[in-house]
């Protein structure tokens, strides 16, 4: 279960970081290597979907599961990721 207070605390910390270097340092320090690999990969899935790349191509290009791509697609359909190009 997601603890909303913890999520809000994380958001506050992320918003307080003012530089790319500071953000990189924070992310590398707080995330595991696996998390650090998967989160940017999910962002790439969303970007490719927004460029209208077919889901199967994204699966091959990024070596991700079709479920991951479908999840990203569903979130876009729900109106999320409007700030991502």
Protein backbone atom coordinates (compact mmCIF):
# COMPACT_ATOMS: atom_id res chain seq x y z
CA UNK A 1 0.00 0.00 0.00
CA UNK A 2 1.27 3.47 -0.87
CA UNK A 3 1.68 5.81 2.07
CA UNK A 4 0.40 9.20 0.85
CA UNK A 5 2.36 11.12 3.47
CA UNK A 6 5.58 9.48 2.33
CA UNK A 7 4.77 10.22 -1.31
CA UNK A 8 4.01 13.84 -0.46
CA UNK A 9 7.30 14.07 1.45
CA UNK A 10 9.15 12.72 -1.58
CA UNK A 11 7.41 15.23 -3.85
CA UNK A 12 8.42 18.08 -1.56
CA UNK A 13 12.04 16.97 -1.56
CA UNK A 14 12.09 16.56 -5.36
CA UNK A 15 10.57 20.00 -5.84
CA UNK A 16 13.17 21.54 -3.53
CA UNK A 17 16.09 20.32 -5.66
CA UNK A 18 17.09 23.17 -7.95
CA UNK A 19 19.85 21.76 -10.16
CA UNK A 20 20.29 18.83 -12.51
CA UNK A 21 23.45 17.85 -10.62
CA UNK A 22 21.57 17.96 -7.32
CA UNK A 23 18.73 15.87 -8.70
CA UNK A 24 21.15 13.31 -10.17
CA UNK A 25 22.95 13.04 -6.83
CA UNK A 26 19.67 12.61 -4.96
CA UNK A 27 18.31 9.95 -7.32
CA UNK A 28 21.56 7.97 -7.39
CA UNK A 29 21.69 8.11 -3.61
CA UNK A 30 18.10 7.11 -2.87
CA UNK A 31 17.29 4.62 -5.64
CA UNK A 32 18.66 1.14 -6.17
CA UNK A 33 20.41 0.44 -9.47
CA UNK A 34 17.33 -1.44 -10.62
CA UNK A 35 15.02 1.47 -9.79
CA UNK A 36 17.43 3.88 -11.44
CA UNK A 37 17.29 1.76 -14.60
CA UNK A 38 13.54 1.15 -14.73
CA UNK A 39 12.20 4.65 -14.03
CA UNK A 40 13.99 6.33 -16.97
CA UNK A 41 13.02 3.35 -19.13
CA UNK A 42 9.34 3.94 -18.29
CA UNK A 43 9.76 7.56 -19.28
CA UNK A 44 11.16 6.47 -22.65
CA UNK A 45 8.15 4.18 -23.14
CA UNK A 46 5.83 7.15 -22.62
CA UNK A 47 7.85 9.38 -24.95
CA UNK A 48 7.80 6.79 -27.73
CA UNK A 49 4.09 6.19 -27.27
CA UNK A 50 3.49 9.93 -27.57
CA UNK A 51 5.48 9.86 -30.82
CA UNK A 52 2.99 7.23 -32.03
CA UNK A 53 5.51 4.41 -32.19
CA UNK A 54 3.69 1.05 -32.28
CA UNK A 55 3.71 -0.81 -28.98
CA UNK A 56 5.43 -3.88 -30.41
CA UNK A 57 8.26 -1.69 -31.76
CA UNK A 58 8.70 -0.13 -28.32
CA UNK A 59 8.91 -3.61 -26.78
CA UNK A 60 11.70 -4.54 -29.19
CA UNK A 61 13.54 -1.22 -29.05
CA UNK A 62 13.59 -0.90 -25.25
CA UNK A 63 13.44 -4.59 -24.37
CA UNK A 64 10.46 -4.10 -22.09
CA UNK A 65 7.35 -6.19 -21.59
CA UNK A 66 4.20 -5.51 -23.56
CA UNK A 67 2.46 -5.03 -20.20
CA UNK A 68 4.79 -2.12 -19.37
CA UNK A 69 4.02 -0.49 -22.70
CA UNK A 70 0.29 -1.11 -22.33
CA UNK A 71 0.36 0.43 -18.84
CA UNK A 72 2.01 3.54 -20.26
CA UNK A 73 -0.53 3.67 -23.06
CA UNK A 74 -3.43 3.37 -20.62
CA UNK A 75 -2.06 6.21 -18.49
CA UNK A 76 -1.83 8.42 -21.58
CA UNK A 77 -5.45 7.56 -22.43
CA UNK A 78 -6.42 8.60 -18.88
CA UNK A 79 -4.94 12.01 -19.60
CA UNK A 80 -1.68 11.58 -17.72
CA UNK A 81 1.78 12.62 -18.95
CA UNK A 82 0.54 15.81 -20.63
CA UNK A 83 3.82 17.52 -19.72
CA UNK A 84 5.92 14.85 -21.48
CA UNK A 85 6.71 15.33 -25.16
